[in-house]
Amino acid sequence: MTGNKPRSIDEYIDSFPPEIQVILEQVRETIRQTVPEAQETIKYDMPTFTLGGNLVYFAAFKKHLGFYPIPMEHPDFMADFAPYKQGKGSIQFPLDRPMPLELIARVVRYRVGVLNKV
């Protein structure tokens, strides 16, 4: 990303080349369809969805899309996350491979459950 800090997810996405914009919009739409009542905002200079708390963040980098937070502790996701580079509460999806949109939707649904328990 270059230039000024984004004030909206639209501004964030518009700051990338067209091929990355397509990927970012796919991720955004997957989250919207999974949790239509979630609110969009920018936090930490990243697209963020909230629902009574921070639900998920995502950000494009040179070679990957970072997705945060992921349920590292949840055994149902371990096999799904295995092919990807992971950090503390984050996962990196390579931009040169198809985005695992169903996995992203599952993580979002899981995060909704976590927030509802708080």
PDB file of N, CA and C in Angstrom:
ATOM      1  N   MET A   1       0.845  -1.176   0.000  1.00  0.00           N
ATOM      2  CA  MET A   1       0.000   0.000   0.000  1.00  0.00           C
ATOM      3  C   MET A   1       0.890   1.239   0.000  1.00  0.00           C
ATOM      4  N   THR A   2       0.472   2.219  -0.704  1.00  0.00           N
ATOM      5  CA  THR A   2       1.251   3.453  -0.780  1.00  0.00           C
ATOM      6  C   THR A   2       0.391   4.635  -0.391  1.00  0.00           C
ATOM      7  N   GLY A   3       1.051   5.761  -0.066  1.00  0.00           N
ATOM      8  CA  GLY A   3       0.326   6.997   0.156  1.00  0.00           C
ATOM      9  C   GLY A   3      -0.267   7.122   1.536  1.00  0.00           C
ATOM     10  N   ASN A   4      -1.391   7.838   1.596  1.00  0.00           N
ATOM     11  CA  ASN A   4      -2.058   8.137   2.852  1.00  0.00           C
ATOM     12  C   ASN A   4      -2.717   6.903   3.458  1.00  0.00           C
ATOM     13  N   LYS A   5      -2.993   7.009   4.750  1.00  0.00           N
ATOM     14  CA  LYS A   5      -3.687   5.923   5.427  1.00  0.00           C
ATOM     15  C   LYS A   5      -5.131   5.874   4.934  1.00  0.00           C
ATOM     16  N   PRO A   6      -5.651   4.673   4.721  1.00  0.00           N
ATOM     17  CA  PRO A   6      -7.023   4.554   4.227  1.00  0.00           C
ATOM     18  C   PRO A   6      -8.030   4.922   5.313  1.00  0.00           C
ATOM     19  N   ARG A   7      -9.136   5.522   4.893  1.00  0.00           N
ATOM     20  CA  ARG A   7     -10.217   5.849   5.823  1.00  0.00           C
ATOM     21  C   ARG A   7     -11.377   4.871   5.694  1.00  0.00           C
ATOM     22  N   SER A   8     -11.354   4.054   4.653  1.00  0.00           N
ATOM     23  CA  SER A   8     -12.420   3.073   4.439  1.00  0.00           C
ATOM     24  C   SER A   8     -11.822   1.854   3.744  1.00  0.00           C
ATOM     25  N   ILE A   9     -12.588   0.773   3.753  1.00  0.00           N
ATOM     26  CA  ILE A   9     -12.133  -0.426   3.050  1.00  0.00           C
ATOM     27  C   ILE A   9     -12.063  -0.160   1.550  1.00  0.00           C
ATOM     28  N   ASP A  10     -12.984   0.637   1.036  1.00  0.00           N
ATOM     29  CA  ASP A  10     -12.924   0.987  -0.387  1.00  0.00           C
ATOM     30  C   ASP A  10     -11.602   1.682  -0.717  1.00  0.00           C
ATOM     31  N   GLU A  11     -11.218   2.660   0.088  1.00  0.00           N
ATOM     32  CA  GLU A  11      -9.945   3.363  -0.139  1.00  0.00           C
ATOM     33  C   GLU A  11      -8.769   2.394  -0.049  1.00  0.00           C
ATOM     34  N   TYR A  12      -8.819   1.493   0.915  1.00  0.00           N
ATOM     35  CA  TYR A  12      -7.754   0.509   1.078  1.00  0.00           C
ATOM     36  C   TYR A  12      -7.631  -0.325  -0.201  1.00  0.00           C
ATOM     37  N   ILE A  13      -8.725  -0.898  -0.636  1.00  0.00           N
ATOM     38  CA  ILE A  13      -8.708  -1.771  -1.815  1.00  0.00           C
ATOM     39  C   ILE A  13      -8.284  -1.000  -3.061  1.00  0.00           C
ATOM     40  N   ASP A  14      -8.780   0.218  -3.217  1.00  0.00           N
ATOM     41  CA  ASP A  14      -8.454   1.030  -4.392  1.00  0.00           C
ATOM     42  C   ASP A  14      -6.970   1.371  -4.491  1.00  0.00           C
ATOM     43  N   SER A  15      -6.241   1.252  -3.402  1.00  0.00           N
ATOM     44  CA  SER A  15      -4.817   1.606  -3.409  1.00  0.00           C
ATOM     45  C   SER A  15      -3.934   0.502  -3.984  1.00  0.00           C
ATOM     46  N   PHE A  16      -4.516  -0.633  -4.345  1.00  0.00           N
ATOM     47  CA  PHE A  16      -3.750  -1.759  -4.869  1.00  0.00           C
ATOM     48  C   PHE A  16      -3.959  -1.934  -6.362  1.00  0.00           C
ATOM     49  N   PRO A  17      -3.047  -2.665  -7.015  1.00  0.00           N
ATOM     50  CA  PRO A  17      -3.224  -2.968  -8.441  1.00  0.00           C
ATOM     51  C   PRO A  17      -4.508  -3.781  -8.660  1.00  0.00           C
ATOM     52  N   PRO A  18      -5.067  -3.702  -9.851  1.00  0.00           N
ATOM     53  CA  PRO A  18      -6.348  -4.372 -10.134  1.00  0.00           C
ATOM     54  C   PRO A  18      -6.398  -5.851  -9.765  1.00  0.00           C
ATOM     55  N   GLU A  19      -5.329  -6.587 -10.024  1.00  0.00           N
ATOM     56  CA  GLU A  19      -5.371  -8.026  -9.731  1.00  0.00           C
ATOM     57  C   GLU A  19      -5.449  -8.301  -8.226  1.00  0.00           C
ATOM     58  N   ILE A  20      -4.891  -7.419  -7.415  1.00  0.00           N
ATOM     59  CA  ILE A  20      -4.965  -7.568  -5.958  1.00  0.00           C
ATOM     60  C   ILE A  20      -6.328  -7.066  -5.471  1.00  0.00           C
ATOM     61  N   GLN A  21      -6.852  -6.044  -6.113  1.00  0.00           N
ATOM     62  CA  GLN A  21      -8.188  -5.551  -5.765  1.00  0.00           C
ATOM     63  C   GLN A  21      -9.232  -6.660  -5.881  1.00  0.00           C
ATOM     64  N   VAL A  22      -9.117  -7.474  -6.921  1.00  0.00           N
ATOM     65  CA  VAL A  22     -10.066  -8.576  -7.118  1.00  0.00           C
ATOM     66  C   VAL A  22     -10.018  -9.528  -5.926  1.00  0.00           C
ATOM     67  N   ILE A  23      -8.833  -9.871  -5.487  1.00  0.00           N
ATOM     68  CA  ILE A  23      -8.670 -10.789  -4.354  1.00  0.00           C
ATOM     69  C   ILE A  23      -9.232 -10.168  -3.079  1.00  0.00           C
ATOM     70  N   LEU A  24      -8.897  -8.912  -2.843  1.00  0.00           N
ATOM     71  CA  LEU A  24      -9.390  -8.233  -1.641  1.00  0.00           C
ATOM     72  C   LEU A  24     -10.911  -8.152  -1.631  1.00  0.00           C
ATOM     73  N   GLU A  25     -11.500  -7.887  -2.783  1.00  0.00           N
ATOM     74  CA  GLU A  25     -12.968  -7.834  -2.867  1.00  0.00           C
ATOM     75  C   GLU A  25     -13.592  -9.206  -2.625  1.00  0.00           C
ATOM     76  N   GLN A  26     -12.932 -10.265  -3.103  1.00  0.00           N
ATOM     77  CA  GLN A  26     -13.430 -11.625  -2.847  1.00  0.00           C
ATOM     78  C   GLN A  26     -13.463 -11.912  -1.354  1.00  0.00           C
ATOM     79  N   VAL A  27     -12.404 -11.561  -0.664  1.00  0.00           N
ATOM     80  CA  VAL A  27     -12.334 -11.793   0.776  1.00  0.00           C
ATOM     81  C   VAL A  27     -13.390 -10.950   1.482  1.00  0.00           C
ATOM     82  N   ARG A  28     -13.478  -9.693   1.115  1.00  0.00           N
ATOM     83  CA  ARG A  28     -14.471  -8.791   1.702  1.00  0.00           C
ATOM     84  C   ARG A  28     -15.881  -9.338   1.516  1.00  0.00           C
ATOM     85  N   GLU A  29     -16.208  -9.754   0.305  1.00  0.00           N
ATOM     86  CA  GLU A  29     -17.545 -10.258   0.011  1.00  0.00           C
ATOM     87  C   GLU A  29     -17.821 -11.567   0.751  1.00  0.00           C
ATOM     88  N   THR A  30     -16.823 -12.401   0.897  1.00  0.00           N
ATOM     89  CA  THR A  30     -16.983 -13.648   1.660  1.00  0.00           C
ATOM     90  C   THR A  30     -17.359 -13.330   3.100  1.00  0.00           C
ATOM     91  N   ILE A  31     -16.687 -12.365   3.689  1.00  0.00           N
ATOM     92  CA  ILE A  31     -16.989 -11.984   5.079  1.00  0.00           C
ATOM     93  C   ILE A  31     -18.375 -11.360   5.153  1.00  0.00           C
ATOM     94  N   ARG A  32     -18.706 -10.482   4.219  1.00  0.00           N
ATOM     95  CA  ARG A  32     -20.038  -9.847   4.188  1.00  0.00           C
ATOM     96  C   ARG A  32     -21.155 -10.876   4.096  1.00  0.00           C
ATOM     97  N   GLN A  33     -20.982 -11.857   3.221  1.00  0.00           N
ATOM     98  CA  GLN A  33     -22.011 -12.886   3.044  1.00  0.00           C
ATOM     99  C   GLN A  33     -22.121 -13.778   4.271  1.00  0.00           C
ATOM    100  N   THR A  34     -21.010 -14.008   4.942  1.00  0.00           N
ATOM    101  CA  THR A  34     -20.996 -14.878   6.118  1.00  0.00           C
ATOM    102  C   THR A  34     -21.639 -14.193   7.314  1.00  0.00           C
ATOM    103  N   VAL A  35     -21.362 -12.902   7.477  1.00  0.00           N
ATOM    104  CA  VAL A  35     -21.894 -12.143   8.614  1.00  0.00           C
ATOM    105  C   VAL A  35     -22.397 -10.787   8.114  1.00  0.00           C
ATOM    106  N   PRO A  36     -23.572 -10.764   7.485  1.00  0.00           N
ATOM    107  CA  PRO A  36     -24.069  -9.524   6.907  1.00  0.00           C
ATOM    108  C   PRO A  36     -24.238  -8.391   7.924  1.00  0.00           C
ATOM    109  N   GLU A  37     -24.434  -8.725   9.177  1.00  0.00           N
ATOM    110  CA  GLU A  37     -24.645  -7.697  10.194  1.00  0.00           C
ATOM    111  C   GLU A  37     -23.342  -7.083  10.721  1.00  0.00           C
ATOM    112  N   ALA A  38     -22.205  -7.621  10.308  1.00  0.00           N
ATOM    113  CA  ALA A  38     -20.916  -7.065  10.743  1.00  0.00           C
ATOM    114  C   ALA A  38     -20.701  -5.684  10.130  1.00  0.00           C
ATOM    115  N   GLN A  39     -19.974  -4.855  10.846  1.00  0.00           N
ATOM    116  CA  GLN A  39     -19.662  -3.501  10.400  1.00  0.00           C
ATOM    117  C   GLN A  39     -18.258  -3.457   9.806  1.00  0.00           C
ATOM    118  N   GLU A  40     -18.080  -2.664   8.773  1.00  0.00           N
ATOM    119  CA  GLU A  40     -16.764  -2.480   8.156  1.00  0.00           C
ATOM    120  C   GLU A  40     -16.094  -1.238   8.724  1.00  0.00           C
ATOM    121  N   THR A  41     -14.799  -1.330   8.945  1.00  0.00           N
ATOM    122  CA  THR A  41     -14.020  -0.187   9.387  1.00  0.00           C
ATOM    123  C   THR A  41     -12.553  -0.424   9.035  1.00  0.00           C
ATOM    124  N   ILE A  42     -11.723   0.514   9.391  1.00  0.00           N
ATOM    125  CA  ILE A  42     -10.278   0.368   9.253  1.00  0.00           C
ATOM    126  C   ILE A  42      -9.684   0.457  10.656  1.00  0.00           C
ATOM    127  N   LYS A  43      -8.894  -0.521  11.027  1.00  0.00           N
ATOM    128  CA  LYS A  43      -8.153  -0.498  12.293  1.00  0.00           C
ATOM    129  C   LYS A  43      -6.752  -0.993  12.000  1.00  0.00           C
ATOM    130  N   TYR A  44      -5.780  -0.365  12.625  1.00  0.00           N
ATOM    131  CA  TYR A  44      -4.377  -0.712  12.379  1.00  0.00           C
ATOM    132  C   TYR A  44      -4.049  -0.627  10.892  1.00  0.00           C
ATOM    133  N   ASP A  45      -4.685   0.290  10.189  1.00  0.00           N
ATOM    134  CA  ASP A  45      -4.518   0.492   8.747  1.00  0.00           C
ATOM    135  C   ASP A  45      -4.938  -0.716   7.915  1.00  0.00           C
ATOM    136  N   MET A  46      -5.799  -1.563   8.470  1.00  0.00           N
ATOM    137  CA  MET A  46      -6.252  -2.765   7.771  1.00  0.00           C
ATOM    138  C   MET A  46      -7.776  -2.811   7.718  1.00  0.00           C
ATOM    139  N   PRO A  47      -8.338  -3.401   6.647  1.00  0.00           N
ATOM    140  CA  PRO A  47      -9.773  -3.652   6.635  1.00  0.00           C
ATOM    141  C   PRO A  47     -10.138  -4.530   7.834  1.00  0.00           C
ATOM    142  N   THR A  48     -11.182  -4.111   8.528  1.00  0.00           N
ATOM    143  CA  THR A  48     -11.603  -4.792   9.745  1.00  0.00           C
ATOM    144  C   THR A  48     -13.111  -4.938   9.734  1.00  0.00           C
ATOM    145  N   PHE A  49     -13.575  -6.083  10.197  1.00  0.00           N
ATOM    146  CA  PHE A  49     -14.996  -6.293  10.405  1.00  0.00           C
ATOM    147  C   PHE A  49     -15.218  -6.427  11.900  1.00  0.00           C
ATOM    148  N   THR A  50     -16.251  -5.746  12.393  1.00  0.00           N
ATOM    149  CA  THR A  50     -16.566  -5.790  13.815  1.00  0.00           C
ATOM    150  C   THR A  50     -17.991  -6.283  14.013  1.00  0.00           C
ATOM    151  N   LEU A  51     -18.210  -6.869  15.180  1.00  0.00           N
ATOM    152  CA  LEU A  51     -19.535  -7.355  15.551  1.00  0.00           C
ATOM    153  C   LEU A  51     -19.547  -7.444  17.075  1.00  0.00           C
ATOM    154  N   GLY A  52     -19.758  -6.315  17.716  1.00  0.00           N
ATOM    155  CA  GLY A  52     -19.677  -6.291  19.173  1.00  0.00           C
ATOM    156  C   GLY A  52     -18.249  -6.481  19.656  1.00  0.00           C
ATOM    157  N   GLY A  53     -17.311  -6.280  18.796  1.00  0.00           N
ATOM    158  CA  GLY A  53     -15.883  -6.457  19.048  1.00  0.00           C
ATOM    159  C   GLY A  53     -15.205  -6.712  17.721  1.00  0.00           C
ATOM    160  N   ASN A  54     -13.895  -6.754  17.716  1.00  0.00           N
ATOM    161  CA  ASN A  54     -13.165  -6.998  16.469  1.00  0.00           C
ATOM    162  C   ASN A  54     -13.365  -8.445  16.043  1.00  0.00           C
ATOM    163  N   LEU A  55     -13.902  -8.616  14.848  1.00  0.00           N
ATOM    164  CA  LEU A  55     -14.188  -9.947  14.318  1.00  0.00           C
ATOM    165  C   LEU A  55     -12.971 -10.485  13.567  1.00  0.00           C
ATOM    166  N   VAL A  56     -12.610  -9.869  12.451  1.00  0.00           N
ATOM    167  CA  VAL A  56     -11.432 -10.259  11.673  1.00  0.00           C
ATOM    168  C   VAL A  56     -10.843  -9.040  10.976  1.00  0.00           C
ATOM    169  N   TYR A  57      -9.557  -9.146  10.692  1.00  0.00           N
ATOM    170  CA  TYR A  57      -8.817  -8.147   9.916  1.00  0.00           C
ATOM    171  C   TYR A  57      -8.201  -8.880   8.728  1.00  0.00           C
ATOM    172  N   PHE A  58      -7.905  -8.149   7.673  1.00  0.00           N
ATOM    173  CA  PHE A  58      -7.102  -8.723   6.588  1.00  0.00           C
ATOM    174  C   PHE A  58      -6.298  -7.615   5.938  1.00  0.00           C
ATOM    175  N   ALA A  59      -5.208  -8.010   5.300  1.00  0.00           N
ATOM    176  CA  ALA A  59      -4.331  -7.016   4.674  1.00  0.00           C
ATOM    177  C   ALA A  59      -3.530  -7.677   3.563  1.00  0.00           C
ATOM    178  N   ALA A  60      -3.322  -6.933   2.492  1.00  0.00           N
ATOM    179  CA  ALA A  60      -2.524  -7.432   1.370  1.00  0.00           C
ATOM    180  C   ALA A  60      -1.077  -7.003   1.553  1.00  0.00           C
ATOM    181  N   PHE A  61      -0.192  -7.914   1.252  1.00  0.00           N
ATOM    182  CA  PHE A  61       1.242  -7.671   1.269  1.00  0.00           C
ATOM    183  C   PHE A  61       1.794  -8.064  -0.098  1.00  0.00           C
ATOM    184  N   LYS A  62       3.088  -7.969  -0.269  1.00  0.00           N
ATOM    185  CA  LYS A  62       3.684  -8.199  -1.583  1.00  0.00           C
ATOM    186  C   LYS A  62       3.323  -9.571  -2.157  1.00  0.00           C
ATOM    187  N   LYS A  63       3.396 -10.616  -1.332  1.00  0.00           N
ATOM    188  CA  LYS A  63       3.176 -11.966  -1.848  1.00  0.00           C
ATOM    189  C   LYS A  63       2.061 -12.733  -1.158  1.00  0.00           C
ATOM    190  N   HIS A  64       1.424 -12.112  -0.170  1.00  0.00           N
ATOM    191  CA  HIS A  64       0.380 -12.846   0.552  1.00  0.00           C
ATOM    192  C   HIS A  64      -0.697 -11.912   1.080  1.00  0.00           C
ATOM    193  N   LEU A  65      -1.798 -12.531   1.469  1.00  0.00           N
ATOM    194  CA  LEU A  65      -2.853 -11.842   2.184  1.00  0.00           C
ATOM    195  C   LEU A  65      -2.765 -12.309   3.629  1.00  0.00           C
ATOM    196  N   GLY A  66      -2.612 -11.369   4.543  1.00  0.00           N
ATOM    197  CA  GLY A  66      -2.615 -11.698   5.958  1.00  0.00           C
ATOM    198  C   GLY A  66      -4.041 -11.676   6.464  1.00  0.00           C
ATOM    199  N   PHE A  67      -4.386 -12.675   7.270  1.00  0.00           N
ATOM    200  CA  PHE A  67      -5.734 -12.800   7.815  1.00  0.00           C
ATOM    201  C   PHE A  67      -5.614 -12.991   9.319  1.00  0.00           C
ATOM    202  N   TYR A  68      -6.342 -12.177  10.080  1.00  0.00           N
ATOM    203  CA  TYR A  68      -6.207 -12.137  11.529  1.00  0.00           C
ATOM    204  C   TYR A  68      -7.584 -11.978  12.180  1.00  0.00           C
ATOM    205  N   PRO A  69      -7.836 -12.360  13.386  1.00  0.00           N
ATOM    206  CA  PRO A  69      -7.113 -13.419  14.083  1.00  0.00           C
ATOM    207  C   PRO A  69      -7.684 -14.764  13.686  1.00  0.00           C
ATOM    208  N   ILE A  70      -6.856 -15.741  13.709  1.00  0.00           N
ATOM    209  CA  ILE A  70      -7.313 -17.090  13.393  1.00  0.00           C
ATOM    210  C   ILE A  70      -7.288 -17.936  14.664  1.00  0.00           C
ATOM    211  N   PRO A  71      -8.134 -18.953  14.707  1.00  0.00           N
ATOM    212  CA  PRO A  71      -8.217 -19.797  15.899  1.00  0.00           C
ATOM    213  C   PRO A  71      -7.115 -20.853  15.942  1.00  0.00           C
ATOM    214  N   MET A  72      -5.915 -20.415  16.258  1.00  0.00           N
ATOM    215  CA  MET A  72      -4.768 -21.322  16.294  1.00  0.00           C
ATOM    216  C   MET A  72      -4.994 -22.489  17.250  1.00  0.00           C
ATOM    217  N   GLU A  73      -5.729 -22.232  18.310  1.00  0.00           N
ATOM    218  CA  GLU A  73      -5.915 -23.237  19.349  1.00  0.00           C
ATOM    219  C   GLU A  73      -6.990 -24.264  19.015  1.00  0.00           C
ATOM    220  N   HIS A  74      -7.753 -24.032  17.980  1.00  0.00           N
ATOM    221  CA  HIS A  74      -8.897 -24.895  17.678  1.00  0.00           C
ATOM    222  C   HIS A  74      -8.473 -26.067  16.792  1.00  0.00           C
ATOM    223  N   PRO A  75      -8.637 -27.292  17.285  1.00  0.00           N
ATOM    224  CA  PRO A  75      -8.167 -28.469  16.524  1.00  0.00           C
ATOM    225  C   PRO A  75      -8.856 -28.674  15.180  1.00  0.00           C
ATOM    226  N   ASP A  76     -10.098 -28.192  15.035  1.00  0.00           N
ATOM    227  CA  ASP A  76     -10.802 -28.371  13.760  1.00  0.00           C
ATOM    228  C   ASP A  76     -10.135 -27.628  12.607  1.00  0.00           C
ATOM    229  N   PHE A  77      -9.306 -26.641  12.913  1.00  0.00           N
ATOM    230  CA  PHE A  77      -8.674 -25.848  11.867  1.00  0.00           C
ATOM    231  C   PHE A  77      -7.230 -26.261  11.582  1.00  0.00           C
ATOM    232  N   MET A  78      -6.636 -27.086  12.420  1.00  0.00           N
ATOM    233  CA  MET A  78      -5.199 -27.383  12.298  1.00  0.00           C
ATOM    234  C   MET A  78      -4.818 -27.932  10.924  1.00  0.00           C
ATOM    235  N   ALA A  79      -5.580 -28.879  10.418  1.00  0.00           N
ATOM    236  CA  ALA A  79      -5.258 -29.461   9.103  1.00  0.00           C
ATOM    237  C   ALA A  79      -5.438 -28.427   7.995  1.00  0.00           C
ATOM    238  N   ASP A  80      -6.464 -27.589   8.125  1.00  0.00           N
ATOM    239  CA  ASP A  80      -6.716 -26.560   7.113  1.00  0.00           C
ATOM    240  C   ASP A  80      -5.600 -25.520   7.069  1.00  0.00           C
ATOM    241  N   PHE A  81      -5.047 -25.190   8.224  1.00  0.00           N
ATOM    242  CA  PHE A  81      -3.999 -24.172   8.302  1.00  0.00           C
ATOM    243  C   PHE A  81      -2.621 -24.710   7.948  1.00  0.00           C
ATOM    244  N   ALA A  82      -2.447 -26.023   7.996  1.00  0.00           N
ATOM    245  CA  ALA A  82      -1.124 -26.630   7.811  1.00  0.00           C
ATOM    246  C   ALA A  82      -0.391 -26.185   6.541  1.00  0.00           C
ATOM    247  N   PRO A  83      -1.062 -26.032   5.396  1.00  0.00           N
ATOM    248  CA  PRO A  83      -0.327 -25.654   4.184  1.00  0.00           C
ATOM    249  C   PRO A  83       0.158 -24.199   4.141  1.00  0.00           C
ATOM    250  N   TYR A  84      -0.238 -23.397   5.117  1.00  0.00           N
ATOM    251  CA  TYR A  84       0.047 -21.966   5.077  1.00  0.00           C
ATOM    252  C   TYR A  84       1.007 -21.540   6.178  1.00  0.00           C
ATOM    253  N   LYS A  85       1.758 -20.502   5.894  1.00  0.00           N
ATOM    254  CA  LYS A  85       2.620 -19.905   6.905  1.00  0.00           C
ATOM    255  C   LYS A  85       1.724 -19.241   7.950  1.00  0.00           C
ATOM    256  N   GLN A  86       2.085 -19.440   9.228  1.00  0.00           N
ATOM    257  CA  GLN A  86       1.278 -18.917  10.320  1.00  0.00           C
ATOM    258  C   GLN A  86       2.133 -18.114  11.279  1.00  0.00           C
ATOM    259  N   GLY A  87       1.501 -17.168  11.918  1.00  0.00           N
ATOM    260  CA  GLY A  87       2.121 -16.401  12.992  1.00  0.00           C
ATOM    261  C   GLY A  87       1.178 -16.428  14.171  1.00  0.00           C
ATOM    262  N   LYS A  88       1.486 -15.675  15.187  1.00  0.00           N
ATOM    263  CA  LYS A  88       0.624 -15.654  16.358  1.00  0.00           C
ATOM    264  C   LYS A  88      -0.734 -15.053  15.991  1.00  0.00           C
ATOM    265  N   GLY A  89      -1.750 -15.904  15.890  1.00  0.00           N
ATOM    266  CA  GLY A  89      -3.088 -15.439  15.564  1.00  0.00           C
ATOM    267  C   GLY A  89      -3.277 -14.983  14.137  1.00  0.00           C
ATOM    268  N   SER A  90      -2.349 -15.349  13.248  1.00  0.00           N
ATOM    269  CA  SER A  90      -2.467 -14.917  11.860  1.00  0.00           C
ATOM    270  C   SER A  90      -2.079 -16.045  10.919  1.00  0.00           C
ATOM    271  N   ILE A  91      -2.524 -15.884   9.702  1.00  0.00           N
ATOM    272  CA  ILE A  91      -2.177 -16.844   8.657  1.00  0.00           C
ATOM    273  C   ILE A  91      -1.910 -16.061   7.381  1.00  0.00           C
ATOM    274  N   GLN A  92      -1.034 -16.606   6.540  1.00  0.00           N
ATOM    275  CA  GLN A  92      -0.691 -15.954   5.281  1.00  0.00           C
ATOM    276  C   GLN A  92      -1.168 -16.818   4.117  1.00  0.00           C
ATOM    277  N   PHE A  93      -2.064 -16.260   3.324  1.00  0.00           N
ATOM    278  CA  PHE A  93      -2.552 -16.940   2.133  1.00  0.00           C
ATOM    279  C   PHE A  93      -1.807 -16.365   0.932  1.00  0.00           C
ATOM    280  N   PRO A  94      -1.036 -17.178   0.215  1.00  0.00           N
ATOM    281  CA  PRO A  94      -0.276 -16.675  -0.935  1.00  0.00           C
ATOM    282  C   PRO A  94      -1.201 -16.066  -1.989  1.00  0.00           C
ATOM    283  N   LEU A  95      -0.769 -14.943  -2.535  1.00  0.00           N
ATOM    284  CA  LEU A  95      -1.568 -14.257  -3.550  1.00  0.00           C
ATOM    285  C   LEU A  95      -1.532 -14.962  -4.902  1.00  0.00           C
ATOM    286  N   ASP A  96      -0.571 -15.857  -5.099  1.00  0.00           N
ATOM    287  CA  ASP A  96      -0.468 -16.550  -6.382  1.00  0.00           C
ATOM    288  C   ASP A  96      -1.233 -17.875  -6.390  1.00  0.00           C
ATOM    289  N   ARG A  97      -2.030 -18.109  -5.352  1.00  0.00           N
ATOM    290  CA  ARG A  97      -2.880 -19.302  -5.297  1.00  0.00           C
ATOM    291  C   ARG A  97      -4.313 -18.849  -5.024  1.00  0.00           C
ATOM    292  N   PRO A  98      -5.298 -19.667  -5.383  1.00  0.00           N
ATOM    293  CA  PRO A  98      -6.684 -19.278  -5.107  1.00  0.00           C
ATOM    294  C   PRO A  98      -6.896 -19.044  -3.606  1.00  0.00           C
ATOM    295  N   MET A  99      -7.654 -18.009  -3.279  1.00  0.00           N
ATOM    296  CA  MET A  99      -7.968 -17.729  -1.877  1.00  0.00           C
ATOM    297  C   MET A  99      -8.877 -18.836  -1.352  1.00  0.00           C
ATOM    298  N   PRO A 100      -8.598 -19.343  -0.172  1.00  0.00           N
ATOM    299  CA  PRO A 100      -9.458 -20.382   0.428  1.00  0.00           C
ATOM    300  C   PRO A 100     -10.694 -19.739   1.070  1.00  0.00           C
ATOM    301  N   LEU A 101     -11.621 -19.307   0.225  1.00  0.00           N
ATOM    302  CA  LEU A 101     -12.752 -18.515   0.696  1.00  0.00           C
ATOM    303  C   LEU A 101     -13.649 -19.287   1.658  1.00  0.00           C
ATOM    304  N   GLU A 102     -13.818 -20.572   1.436  1.00  0.00           N
ATOM    305  CA  GLU A 102     -14.640 -21.361   2.364  1.00  0.00           C
ATOM    306  C   GLU A 102     -13.960 -21.449   3.729  1.00  0.00           C
ATOM    307  N   LEU A 103     -12.659 -21.594   3.754  1.00  0.00           N
ATOM    308  CA  LEU A 103     -11.926 -21.605   5.021  1.00  0.00           C
ATOM    309  C   LEU A 103     -12.073 -20.248   5.724  1.00  0.00           C
ATOM    310  N   ILE A 104     -11.963 -19.170   4.973  1.00  0.00           N
ATOM    311  CA  ILE A 104     -12.141 -17.839   5.548  1.00  0.00           C
ATOM    312  C   ILE A 104     -13.543 -17.718   6.145  1.00  0.00           C
ATOM    313  N   ALA A 105     -14.556 -18.202   5.441  1.00  0.00           N
ATOM    314  CA  ALA A 105     -15.935 -18.152   5.955  1.00  0.00           C
ATOM    315  C   ALA A 105     -16.063 -18.969   7.240  1.00  0.00           C
ATOM    316  N   ARG A 106     -15.437 -20.129   7.288  1.00  0.00           N
ATOM    317  CA  ARG A 106     -15.490 -20.955   8.507  1.00  0.00           C
ATOM    318  C   ARG A 106     -14.831 -20.254   9.681  1.00  0.00           C
ATOM    319  N   VAL A 107     -13.691 -19.623   9.437  1.00  0.00           N
ATOM    320  CA  VAL A 107     -13.004 -18.884  10.505  1.00  0.00           C
ATOM    321  C   VAL A 107     -13.885 -17.737  10.991  1.00  0.00           C
ATOM    322  N   VAL A 108     -14.516 -17.034  10.070  1.00  0.00           N
ATOM    323  CA  VAL A 108     -15.396 -15.920  10.445  1.00  0.00           C
ATOM    324  C   VAL A 108     -16.558 -16.433  11.294  1.00  0.00           C
ATOM    325  N   ARG A 109     -17.175 -17.536  10.889  1.00  0.00           N
ATOM    326  CA  ARG A 109     -18.278 -18.106  11.680  1.00  0.00           C
ATOM    327  C   ARG A 109     -17.792 -18.491  13.077  1.00  0.00           C
ATOM    328  N   TYR A 110     -16.603 -19.073  13.159  1.00  0.00           N
ATOM    329  CA  TYR A 110     -16.026 -19.432  14.453  1.00  0.00           C
ATOM    330  C   TYR A 110     -15.828 -18.179  15.311  1.00  0.00           C
ATOM    331  N   ARG A 111     -15.288 -17.129  14.713  1.00  0.00           N
ATOM    332  CA  ARG A 111     -15.037 -15.886  15.443  1.00  0.00           C
ATOM    333  C   ARG A 111     -16.352 -15.257  15.945  1.00  0.00           C
ATOM    334  N   VAL A 112     -17.418 -15.358  15.171  1.00  0.00           N
ATOM    335  CA  VAL A 112     -18.718 -14.865  15.625  1.00  0.00           C
ATOM    336  C   VAL A 112     -19.119 -15.604  16.905  1.00  0.00           C
ATOM    337  N   GLY A 113     -18.922 -16.914  16.919  1.00  0.00           N
ATOM    338  CA  GLY A 113     -19.238 -17.701  18.116  1.00  0.00           C
ATOM    339  C   GLY A 113     -18.403 -17.273  19.310  1.00  0.00           C
ATOM    340  N   VAL A 114     -17.131 -16.998  19.092  1.00  0.00           N
ATOM    341  CA  VAL A 114     -16.259 -16.547  20.176  1.00  0.00           C
ATOM    342  C   VAL A 114     -16.754 -15.210  20.731  1.00  0.00           C
ATOM    343  N   LEU A 115     -17.073 -14.275  19.853  1.00  0.00           N
ATOM    344  CA  LEU A 115     -17.533 -12.962  20.306  1.00  0.00           C
ATOM    345  C   LEU A 115     -18.881 -13.049  21.023  1.00  0.00           C
ATOM    346  N   ASN A 116     -19.730 -13.983  20.605  1.00  0.00           N
ATOM    347  CA  ASN A 116     -21.029 -14.131  21.249  1.00  0.00           C
ATOM    348  C   ASN A 116     -20.915 -14.705  22.654  1.00  0.00           C
ATOM    349  N   LYS A 117     -19.812 -15.379  22.943  1.00  0.00           N
ATOM    350  CA  LYS A 117     -19.594 -15.956  24.276  1.00  0.00           C
ATOM    351  C   LYS A 117     -19.036 -14.948  25.263  1.00  0.00           C
ATOM    352  N   VAL A 118     -18.489 -13.849  24.725  1.00  0.00           N
ATOM    353  CA  VAL A 118     -17.863 -12.846  25.600  1.00  0.00           C
ATOM    354  C   VAL A 118     -18.900 -12.037  26.337  1.00  0.00           C
TER     355      VAL A 118
END
